[in-house]
Amino acid sequence: MPDVTTLPKTKARTRTERPRLYKVILLNDDYTPRDFVVTVLKAVFRMTESEAYGVMLTAHRRGACVVAVFTREVAETKAKEATDAGRGLGYPLAFTTERET
């Protein structure tokens, strides 16, 4: 009988990759009232009054501001919901998403 050595089977471990994250960005415009932007930030992104006001001012001064970071689906849904809130009242309020590097 031949001499056969059996090696233990190696177990392949599957690594679950962390989902890619996306930034939701508020773009500044000169027509949407500041109070309305704050209201949208509070409603859609669950910010406090002071957090929302700070984000709105940063976007106003710099032209854009990162609002929050989520998985792709959540980021796109929230950006659309917030943009639609402004469009529903005729404002050019815009939120966009961008992959985090």
C-alpha atoms as a PDB file:
ATOM      1  CA  MET A   1       0.000   0.000   0.000  1.00  0.00           C
ATOM      2  CA  PRO A   2       1.438   3.470  -0.926  1.00  0.00           C
ATOM      3  CA  ASP A   3       2.335   5.919   1.794  1.00  0.00           C
ATOM      4  CA  VAL A   4      -0.261   8.714   1.550  1.00  0.00           C
ATOM      5  CA  THR A   5      -0.143  11.731   3.770  1.00  0.00           C
ATOM      6  CA  THR A   6      -3.341  13.692   4.051  1.00  0.00           C
ATOM      7  CA  LEU A   7      -3.136  17.375   4.699  1.00  0.00           C
ATOM      8  CA  PRO A   8      -5.824  19.148   6.645  1.00  0.00           C
ATOM      9  CA  LYS A   9      -8.208  21.119   4.481  1.00  0.00           C
ATOM     10  CA  THR A  10      -7.700  24.838   4.709  1.00  0.00           C
ATOM     11  CA  LYS A  11     -10.770  26.832   5.463  1.00  0.00           C
ATOM     12  CA  ALA A  12     -11.317  29.799   3.227  1.00  0.00           C
ATOM     13  CA  ARG A  13     -12.434  32.782   5.197  1.00  0.00           C
ATOM     14  CA  THR A  14     -14.659  35.177   3.413  1.00  0.00           C
ATOM     15  CA  ARG A  15     -14.127  38.769   4.312  1.00  0.00           C
ATOM     16  CA  THR A  16     -17.096  41.003   4.055  1.00  0.00           C
ATOM     17  CA  GLU A  17     -16.045  44.268   2.560  1.00  0.00           C
ATOM     18  CA  ARG A  18     -17.165  47.454   4.188  1.00  0.00           C
ATOM     19  CA  PRO A  19     -19.592  49.307   1.965  1.00  0.00           C
ATOM     20  CA  ARG A  20     -18.246  52.343   0.162  1.00  0.00           C
ATOM     21  CA  LEU A  21     -19.258  55.613   1.773  1.00  0.00           C
ATOM     22  CA  TYR A  22     -20.696  58.635   0.009  1.00  0.00           C
ATOM     23  CA  LYS A  23     -20.841  62.267   1.083  1.00  0.00           C
ATOM     24  CA  VAL A  24     -24.047  64.249   0.793  1.00  0.00           C
ATOM     25  CA  ILE A  25     -23.124  67.784  -0.244  1.00  0.00           C
ATOM     26  CA  LEU A  26     -25.261  70.928   0.042  1.00  0.00           C
ATOM     27  CA  LEU A  27     -24.672  73.320  -2.851  1.00  0.00           C
ATOM     28  CA  ASN A  28     -25.155  77.024  -2.258  1.00  0.00           C
ATOM     29  CA  ASP A  29     -27.581  79.104  -4.278  1.00  0.00           C
ATOM     30  CA  ASP A  30     -28.620  82.732  -3.944  1.00  0.00           C
ATOM     31  CA  TYR A  31     -32.384  82.168  -4.008  1.00  0.00           C
ATOM     32  CA  THR A  32     -33.364  79.569  -1.409  1.00  0.00           C
ATOM     33  CA  PRO A  33     -34.151  81.240   1.944  1.00  0.00           C
ATOM     34  CA  ARG A  34     -31.731  80.375   4.732  1.00  0.00           C
ATOM     35  CA  ASP A  35     -34.536  79.419   7.109  1.00  0.00           C
ATOM     36  CA  PHE A  36     -35.887  76.926   4.583  1.00  0.00           C
ATOM     37  CA  VAL A  37     -32.446  75.317   4.149  1.00  0.00           C
ATOM     38  CA  VAL A  38     -32.169  74.949   7.931  1.00  0.00           C
ATOM     39  CA  THR A  39     -35.658  73.384   8.059  1.00  0.00           C
ATOM     40  CA  VAL A  40     -34.749  70.853   5.353  1.00  0.00           C
ATOM     41  CA  LEU A  41     -31.466  69.947   7.074  1.00  0.00           C
ATOM     42  CA  LYS A  42     -33.292  69.391  10.358  1.00  0.00           C
ATOM     43  CA  ALA A  43     -36.056  67.305   8.759  1.00  0.00           C
ATOM     44  CA  VAL A  44     -34.068  65.135   6.342  1.00  0.00           C
ATOM     45  CA  PHE A  45     -30.751  64.822   8.179  1.00  0.00           C
ATOM     46  CA  ARG A  46     -32.096  65.058  11.754  1.00  0.00           C
ATOM     47  CA  MET A  47     -29.808  67.905  12.713  1.00  0.00           C
ATOM     48  CA  THR A  48     -30.273  70.259  15.607  1.00  0.00           C
ATOM     49  CA  GLU A  49     -31.031  73.905  14.878  1.00  0.00           C
ATOM     50  CA  SER A  50     -27.438  74.967  15.543  1.00  0.00           C
ATOM     51  CA  GLU A  51     -25.927  72.120  13.468  1.00  0.00           C
ATOM     52  CA  ALA A  52     -28.206  72.912  10.528  1.00  0.00           C
ATOM     53  CA  TYR A  53     -27.469  76.630  10.774  1.00  0.00           C
ATOM     54  CA  GLY A  54     -23.716  75.944  10.792  1.00  0.00           C
ATOM     55  CA  VAL A  55     -23.918  73.706   7.712  1.00  0.00           C
ATOM     56  CA  MET A  56     -26.065  76.276   5.895  1.00  0.00           C
ATOM     57  CA  LEU A  57     -23.602  79.083   6.681  1.00  0.00           C
ATOM     58  CA  THR A  58     -20.605  77.008   5.598  1.00  0.00           C
ATOM     59  CA  ALA A  59     -22.292  76.222   2.263  1.00  0.00           C
ATOM     60  CA  HIS A  60     -23.186  79.896   1.896  1.00  0.00           C
ATOM     61  CA  ARG A  61     -19.616  81.055   2.503  1.00  0.00           C
ATOM     62  CA  ARG A  62     -17.721  78.317   0.651  1.00  0.00           C
ATOM     63  CA  GLY A  63     -20.206  77.396  -2.079  1.00  0.00           C
ATOM     64  CA  ALA A  64     -20.753  73.849  -0.799  1.00  0.00           C
ATOM     65  CA  CYS A  65     -20.653  71.870   2.428  1.00  0.00           C
ATOM     66  CA  VAL A  66     -20.577  68.183   3.312  1.00  0.00           C
ATOM     67  CA  VAL A  67     -23.763  67.471   5.239  1.00  0.00           C
ATOM     68  CA  ALA A  68     -23.244  63.825   6.186  1.00  0.00           C
ATOM     69  CA  VAL A  69     -21.667  60.541   5.067  1.00  0.00           C
ATOM     70  CA  PHE A  70     -23.713  57.399   4.374  1.00  0.00           C
ATOM     71  CA  THR A  71     -23.727  54.252   2.302  1.00  0.00           C
ATOM     72  CA  ARG A  72     -24.513  54.932  -1.352  1.00  0.00           C
ATOM     73  CA  GLU A  73     -28.218  54.075  -1.227  1.00  0.00           C
ATOM     74  CA  VAL A  74     -28.893  56.136   1.892  1.00  0.00           C
ATOM     75  CA  ALA A  75     -26.857  59.105   0.608  1.00  0.00           C
ATOM     76  CA  GLU A  76     -28.674  59.156  -2.735  1.00  0.00           C
ATOM     77  CA  THR A  77     -32.079  58.807  -1.091  1.00  0.00           C
ATOM     78  CA  LYS A  78     -31.465  61.638   1.376  1.00  0.00           C
ATOM     79  CA  ALA A  79     -29.965  63.916  -1.286  1.00  0.00           C
ATOM     80  CA  LYS A  80     -33.002  63.359  -3.513  1.00  0.00           C
ATOM     81  CA  GLU A  81     -35.458  63.873  -0.655  1.00  0.00           C
ATOM     82  CA  ALA A  82     -33.804  67.149   0.368  1.00  0.00           C
ATOM     83  CA  THR A  83     -33.541  68.418  -3.227  1.00  0.00           C
ATOM     84  CA  ASP A  84     -37.170  67.510  -3.907  1.00  0.00           C
ATOM     85  CA  ALA A  85     -38.278  69.421  -0.803  1.00  0.00           C
ATOM     86  CA  GLY A  86     -36.856  72.609  -2.309  1.00  0.00           C
ATOM     87  CA  ARG A  87     -38.041  71.912  -5.834  1.00  0.00           C
ATOM     88  CA  GLY A  88     -41.545  71.298  -4.535  1.00  0.00           C
ATOM     89  CA  LEU A  89     -41.663  74.936  -3.454  1.00  0.00           C
ATOM     90  CA  GLY A  90     -39.862  76.275  -6.524  1.00  0.00           C
ATOM     91  CA  TYR A  91     -36.441  76.746  -4.938  1.00  0.00           C
ATOM     92  CA  PRO A  92     -33.220  75.725  -6.706  1.00  0.00           C
ATOM     93  CA  LEU A  93     -31.989  73.994  -3.525  1.00  0.00           C
ATOM     94  CA  ALA A  94     -29.592  71.216  -4.528  1.00  0.00           C
ATOM     95  CA  PHE A  95     -27.898  68.349  -2.744  1.00  0.00           C
ATOM     96  CA  THR A  96     -25.512  65.983  -4.481  1.00  0.00           C
ATOM     97  CA  THR A  97     -23.526  62.888  -3.574  1.00  0.00           C
ATOM     98  CA  GLU A  98     -19.863  62.102  -4.037  1.00  0.00           C
ATOM     99  CA  ARG A  99     -17.859  58.990  -3.202  1.00  0.00           C
ATOM    100  CA  GLU A 100     -15.651  59.447  -0.182  1.00  0.00           C
ATOM    101  CA  THR A 101     -11.958  58.949  -0.869  1.00  0.00           C
END
